[in-house]
Amino acid sequence: IINISSIVAKSGYKGTVAYTSAKSGLEGMTRSLSRELGRRNITVNAVAPGYMKTDLTKNMAPNKLKQIIRRTPLGRAGNIDDVVGLVEFLLKKEANFISGQTILVDGGLTS
């Protein structure tokens, strides 16, 4: 099981209290389900993207997006392909001992 969270679950963001609360709850659920389903050899993880070029961020003020990109060590907003590779890896047998984790894909923003 792979849940999609967000970096806001780690850092919060003004005006996103409901979204942040939901994503934080999802991460807690990921950890608990990992413990419950592990004995069945089912892994449960979450992927937490940073700021991505998506419908959710398309209406963000340009100056705010520039500020976020400036603070991101890799110097850009993410895109869907940045997340897909990690999801594909977590689905492979090579990842069968990774469970209960939230993995950030944020260009280093939260480092």
N, C-alpha and C. Protein backbone atom coordinates (compact mmCIF):
# COMPACT_ATOMS: atom_id res chain seq x y z
N ILE A 1 0.86 -1.17 0.00
CA ILE A 1 0.00 0.00 0.00
C ILE A 1 0.91 1.22 0.00
N ILE A 2 0.62 2.14 -0.90
CA ILE A 2 1.38 3.38 -0.97
C ILE A 2 0.39 4.54 -0.87
N ASN A 3 0.50 5.29 0.19
CA ASN A 3 -0.33 6.48 0.40
C ASN A 3 0.41 7.71 -0.10
N ILE A 4 -0.33 8.68 -0.56
CA ILE A 4 0.28 9.94 -1.01
C ILE A 4 -0.02 11.02 0.03
N SER A 5 1.03 11.50 0.67
CA SER A 5 0.92 12.53 1.69
C SER A 5 1.40 13.85 1.10
N SER A 6 2.03 14.67 1.90
CA SER A 6 2.53 15.98 1.46
C SER A 6 3.53 16.49 2.49
N ILE A 7 4.44 17.35 2.06
CA ILE A 7 5.38 17.92 3.02
C ILE A 7 4.69 18.80 4.04
N VAL A 8 3.48 19.26 3.75
CA VAL A 8 2.78 20.09 4.73
C VAL A 8 2.48 19.31 6.01
N ALA A 9 2.44 17.98 5.93
CA ALA A 9 2.25 17.17 7.14
C ALA A 9 3.45 17.33 8.08
N LYS A 10 4.60 17.66 7.55
CA LYS A 10 5.81 17.87 8.35
C LYS A 10 5.99 19.32 8.77
N SER A 11 5.64 20.24 7.87
CA SER A 11 5.98 21.64 8.11
C SER A 11 4.79 22.56 8.32
N GLY A 12 3.60 22.15 7.87
CA GLY A 12 2.45 23.04 7.93
C GLY A 12 2.59 24.16 6.91
N TYR A 13 1.51 24.85 6.67
CA TYR A 13 1.53 25.98 5.74
C TYR A 13 0.27 26.80 5.99
N LYS A 14 0.43 28.09 6.02
CA LYS A 14 -0.69 29.01 6.28
C LYS A 14 -1.84 28.74 5.32
N GLY A 15 -3.04 28.64 5.88
CA GLY A 15 -4.24 28.48 5.06
C GLY A 15 -4.54 27.05 4.64
N THR A 16 -3.82 26.08 5.21
CA THR A 16 -4.03 24.68 4.79
C THR A 16 -4.32 23.77 5.97
N VAL A 17 -4.97 24.28 7.00
CA VAL A 17 -5.13 23.48 8.23
C VAL A 17 -5.89 22.17 7.97
N ALA A 18 -6.94 22.19 7.19
CA ALA A 18 -7.69 20.96 6.93
C ALA A 18 -6.85 19.98 6.12
N TYR A 19 -6.20 20.46 5.08
CA TYR A 19 -5.35 19.63 4.23
C TYR A 19 -4.18 19.05 5.03
N THR A 20 -3.54 19.90 5.83
CA THR A 20 -2.41 19.46 6.65
C THR A 20 -2.86 18.42 7.66
N SER A 21 -3.99 18.63 8.28
CA SER A 21 -4.51 17.67 9.25
C SER A 21 -4.79 16.32 8.60
N ALA A 22 -5.38 16.35 7.42
CA ALA A 22 -5.69 15.11 6.71
C ALA A 22 -4.41 14.36 6.35
N LYS A 23 -3.41 15.06 5.86
CA LYS A 23 -2.16 14.40 5.46
C LYS A 23 -1.40 13.88 6.69
N SER A 24 -1.44 14.61 7.79
CA SER A 24 -0.81 14.13 9.03
C SER A 24 -1.50 12.85 9.51
N GLY A 25 -2.82 12.82 9.44
CA GLY A 25 -3.57 11.63 9.81
C GLY A 25 -3.24 10.46 8.91
N LEU A 26 -3.07 10.72 7.64
CA LEU A 26 -2.70 9.69 6.68
C LEU A 26 -1.35 9.07 7.03
N GLU A 27 -0.41 9.89 7.47
CA GLU A 27 0.90 9.37 7.86
C GLU A 27 0.81 8.51 9.11
N GLY A 28 -0.02 8.90 10.06
CA GLY A 28 -0.25 8.07 11.25
C GLY A 28 -0.90 6.75 10.87
N MET A 29 -1.86 6.81 9.97
CA MET A 29 -2.52 5.60 9.49
C MET A 29 -1.50 4.68 8.80
N THR A 30 -0.59 5.26 8.04
CA THR A 30 0.45 4.48 7.36
C THR A 30 1.27 3.69 8.36
N ARG A 31 1.70 4.34 9.44
CA ARG A 31 2.50 3.65 10.45
C ARG A 31 1.70 2.55 11.13
N SER A 32 0.46 2.83 11.50
CA SER A 32 -0.37 1.83 12.19
C SER A 32 -0.70 0.66 11.28
N LEU A 33 -1.07 0.94 10.03
CA LEU A 33 -1.37 -0.15 9.10
C LEU A 33 -0.15 -1.02 8.83
N SER A 34 1.01 -0.39 8.82
CA SER A 34 2.25 -1.16 8.63
C SER A 34 2.39 -2.21 9.72
N ARG A 35 2.10 -1.84 10.95
CA ARG A 35 2.18 -2.78 12.07
C ARG A 35 1.08 -3.85 11.97
N GLU A 36 -0.10 -3.44 11.57
CA GLU A 36 -1.22 -4.38 11.49
C GLU A 36 -1.07 -5.37 10.34
N LEU A 37 -0.56 -4.93 9.21
CA LEU A 37 -0.52 -5.77 8.02
C LEU A 37 0.83 -6.44 7.78
N GLY A 38 1.83 -6.06 8.55
CA GLY A 38 3.17 -6.63 8.36
C GLY A 38 3.19 -8.14 8.46
N ARG A 39 2.45 -8.72 9.38
CA ARG A 39 2.45 -10.18 9.54
C ARG A 39 1.89 -10.89 8.32
N ARG A 40 1.17 -10.16 7.48
CA ARG A 40 0.66 -10.72 6.22
C ARG A 40 1.61 -10.43 5.06
N ASN A 41 2.77 -9.90 5.39
CA ASN A 41 3.79 -9.55 4.40
C ASN A 41 3.31 -8.43 3.45
N ILE A 42 2.51 -7.52 4.00
CA ILE A 42 2.04 -6.36 3.24
C ILE A 42 2.78 -5.13 3.75
N THR A 43 3.43 -4.43 2.86
CA THR A 43 4.11 -3.20 3.24
C THR A 43 3.17 -2.02 3.05
N VAL A 44 3.34 -1.02 3.91
CA VAL A 44 2.52 0.20 3.86
C VAL A 44 3.46 1.38 4.03
N ASN A 45 3.51 2.24 3.04
CA ASN A 45 4.37 3.42 3.09
C ASN A 45 3.61 4.63 2.57
N ALA A 46 4.18 5.79 2.80
CA ALA A 46 3.62 7.03 2.26
C ALA A 46 4.72 7.78 1.52
N VAL A 47 4.34 8.44 0.47
CA VAL A 47 5.23 9.32 -0.29
C VAL A 47 4.71 10.73 -0.07
N ALA A 48 5.61 11.62 0.34
CA ALA A 48 5.22 13.01 0.64
C ALA A 48 5.90 13.97 -0.33
N PRO A 49 5.22 14.31 -1.41
CA PRO A 49 5.81 15.26 -2.36
C PRO A 49 5.90 16.66 -1.76
N GLY A 50 6.87 17.39 -2.27
CA GLY A 50 6.99 18.81 -1.96
C GLY A 50 6.14 19.59 -2.94
N TYR A 51 6.53 20.81 -3.23
CA TYR A 51 5.75 21.65 -4.13
C TYR A 51 5.94 21.16 -5.55
N MET A 52 4.84 20.76 -6.16
CA MET A 52 4.82 20.20 -7.50
C MET A 52 4.02 21.09 -8.42
N LYS A 53 4.30 21.00 -9.68
CA LYS A 53 3.50 21.70 -10.69
C LYS A 53 2.25 20.86 -10.93
N THR A 54 1.19 21.18 -10.18
CA THR A 54 -0.09 20.46 -10.28
C THR A 54 -1.24 21.45 -10.20
N ASP A 55 -2.46 20.93 -10.32
CA ASP A 55 -3.64 21.78 -10.19
C ASP A 55 -3.71 22.43 -8.81
N LEU A 56 -3.18 21.74 -7.79
CA LEU A 56 -3.24 22.28 -6.43
C LEU A 56 -2.40 23.55 -6.28
N THR A 57 -1.31 23.66 -7.03
CA THR A 57 -0.42 24.82 -6.89
C THR A 57 -0.52 25.82 -8.04
N LYS A 58 -1.36 25.53 -9.03
CA LYS A 58 -1.40 26.42 -10.20
C LYS A 58 -1.90 27.82 -9.89
N ASN A 59 -2.68 27.96 -8.82
CA ASN A 59 -3.19 29.29 -8.46
C ASN A 59 -2.36 29.97 -7.38
N MET A 60 -1.23 29.37 -7.02
CA MET A 60 -0.36 29.97 -6.02
C MET A 60 0.23 31.27 -6.57
N ALA A 61 0.32 32.26 -5.74
CA ALA A 61 0.89 33.54 -6.16
C ALA A 61 2.30 33.32 -6.71
N PRO A 62 2.60 33.88 -7.87
CA PRO A 62 3.91 33.67 -8.49
C PRO A 62 5.08 34.01 -7.56
N ASN A 63 4.96 35.08 -6.78
CA ASN A 63 6.06 35.45 -5.89
C ASN A 63 6.24 34.41 -4.79
N LYS A 64 5.15 33.77 -4.35
CA LYS A 64 5.22 32.74 -3.31
C LYS A 64 5.92 31.50 -3.88
N LEU A 65 5.56 31.11 -5.10
CA LEU A 65 6.20 29.96 -5.73
C LEU A 65 7.69 30.22 -5.96
N LYS A 66 8.03 31.43 -6.38
CA LYS A 66 9.45 31.78 -6.57
C LYS A 66 10.21 31.68 -5.25
N GLN A 67 9.59 32.11 -4.16
CA GLN A 67 10.22 32.04 -2.84
C GLN A 67 10.47 30.57 -2.46
N ILE A 68 9.50 29.71 -2.70
CA ILE A 68 9.65 28.30 -2.38
C ILE A 68 10.77 27.68 -3.21
N ILE A 69 10.79 27.99 -4.50
CA ILE A 69 11.84 27.45 -5.38
C ILE A 69 13.21 27.95 -4.93
N ARG A 70 13.29 29.19 -4.53
CA ARG A 70 14.57 29.76 -4.07
C ARG A 70 15.07 29.03 -2.82
N ARG A 71 14.16 28.58 -1.95
CA ARG A 71 14.54 27.88 -0.72
C ARG A 71 14.79 26.38 -0.95
N THR A 72 14.43 25.88 -2.11
CA THR A 72 14.60 24.46 -2.42
C THR A 72 16.01 24.22 -2.94
N PRO A 73 16.80 23.38 -2.26
CA PRO A 73 18.18 23.16 -2.69
C PRO A 73 18.35 22.76 -4.16
N LEU A 74 17.42 22.00 -4.72
CA LEU A 74 17.55 21.62 -6.13
C LEU A 74 17.05 22.71 -7.08
N GLY A 75 16.53 23.82 -6.53
CA GLY A 75 16.23 25.01 -7.32
C GLY A 75 15.07 24.94 -8.29
N ARG A 76 14.09 24.08 -8.01
CA ARG A 76 12.93 24.01 -8.89
C ARG A 76 11.76 23.37 -8.15
N ALA A 77 10.57 23.56 -8.70
CA ALA A 77 9.41 22.83 -8.21
C ALA A 77 9.47 21.43 -8.80
N GLY A 78 8.86 20.48 -8.14
CA GLY A 78 8.85 19.12 -8.65
C GLY A 78 7.81 18.93 -9.72
N ASN A 79 7.85 17.76 -10.32
CA ASN A 79 6.81 17.37 -11.27
C ASN A 79 6.42 15.92 -10.98
N ILE A 80 5.40 15.46 -11.60
CA ILE A 80 4.86 14.13 -11.32
C ILE A 80 5.92 13.04 -11.50
N ASP A 81 6.76 13.17 -12.51
CA ASP A 81 7.79 12.16 -12.77
C ASP A 81 8.76 12.01 -11.59
N ASP A 82 8.94 13.07 -10.82
CA ASP A 82 9.82 13.01 -9.66
C ASP A 82 9.27 12.06 -8.59
N VAL A 83 7.97 11.88 -8.57
CA VAL A 83 7.31 11.02 -7.58
C VAL A 83 7.14 9.61 -8.12
N VAL A 84 6.88 9.49 -9.40
CA VAL A 84 6.59 8.19 -10.01
C VAL A 84 7.72 7.19 -9.79
N GLY A 85 8.96 7.63 -9.94
CA GLY A 85 10.10 6.72 -9.76
C GLY A 85 10.14 6.09 -8.38
N LEU A 86 9.86 6.88 -7.36
CA LEU A 86 9.85 6.36 -5.99
C LEU A 86 8.69 5.39 -5.80
N VAL A 87 7.53 5.73 -6.31
CA VAL A 87 6.38 4.83 -6.19
C VAL A 87 6.68 3.50 -6.88
N GLU A 88 7.25 3.57 -8.06
CA GLU A 88 7.60 2.34 -8.78
C GLU A 88 8.60 1.50 -7.98
N PHE A 89 9.59 2.13 -7.37
CA PHE A 89 10.55 1.40 -6.55
C PHE A 89 9.86 0.72 -5.37
N LEU A 90 8.98 1.44 -4.69
CA LEU A 90 8.30 0.86 -3.52
C LEU A 90 7.42 -0.33 -3.89
N LEU A 91 7.05 -0.45 -5.15
CA LEU A 91 6.24 -1.58 -5.61
C LEU A 91 7.09 -2.81 -5.95
N LYS A 92 8.40 -2.65 -6.03
CA LYS A 92 9.29 -3.75 -6.40
C LYS A 92 9.65 -4.61 -5.20
N LYS A 93 10.06 -5.84 -5.49
CA LYS A 93 10.45 -6.75 -4.41
C LYS A 93 11.69 -6.25 -3.67
N GLU A 94 12.51 -5.44 -4.32
CA GLU A 94 13.70 -4.88 -3.66
C GLU A 94 13.33 -3.96 -2.50
N ALA A 95 12.10 -3.52 -2.45
CA ALA A 95 11.64 -2.63 -1.38
C ALA A 95 10.79 -3.38 -0.35
N ASN A 96 10.86 -4.71 -0.34
CA ASN A 96 9.95 -5.48 0.51
C ASN A 96 10.27 -5.44 2.01
N PHE A 97 11.32 -4.74 2.41
CA PHE A 97 11.62 -4.58 3.83
C PHE A 97 11.47 -3.13 4.27
N ILE A 98 10.87 -2.33 3.43
CA ILE A 98 10.58 -0.93 3.76
C ILE A 98 9.10 -0.85 4.06
N SER A 99 8.76 -0.48 5.29
CA SER A 99 7.35 -0.39 5.66
C SER A 99 7.19 0.60 6.82
N GLY A 100 6.06 1.27 6.83
CA GLY A 100 5.76 2.23 7.89
C GLY A 100 6.48 3.56 7.73
N GLN A 101 6.99 3.84 6.55
CA GLN A 101 7.79 5.03 6.33
C GLN A 101 7.05 6.08 5.53
N THR A 102 7.39 7.33 5.78
CA THR A 102 6.97 8.44 4.93
C THR A 102 8.24 8.98 4.30
N ILE A 103 8.29 8.91 2.98
CA ILE A 103 9.48 9.33 2.24
C ILE A 103 9.17 10.64 1.53
N LEU A 104 9.99 11.65 1.82
CA LEU A 104 9.79 12.96 1.22
C LEU A 104 10.44 13.05 -0.14
N VAL A 105 9.74 13.69 -1.07
CA VAL A 105 10.25 13.96 -2.42
C VAL A 105 10.06 15.45 -2.62
N ASP A 106 11.03 16.23 -2.11
CA ASP A 106 10.82 17.68 -2.07
C ASP A 106 12.02 18.50 -2.51
N GLY A 107 12.94 17.89 -3.22
CA GLY A 107 14.11 18.63 -3.70
C GLY A 107 15.00 19.15 -2.58
N GLY A 108 14.84 18.61 -1.38
CA GLY A 108 15.64 19.02 -0.24
C GLY A 108 15.04 20.15 0.57
N LEU A 109 13.82 20.57 0.26
CA LEU A 109 13.21 21.73 0.93
C LEU A 109 13.13 21.56 2.45
N THR A 110 12.82 20.36 2.92
CA THR A 110 12.67 20.16 4.36
C THR A 110 13.95 19.70 5.04
N SER A 111 15.06 19.67 4.29
CA SER A 111 16.32 19.21 4.91
C SER A 111 16.94 20.29 5.78
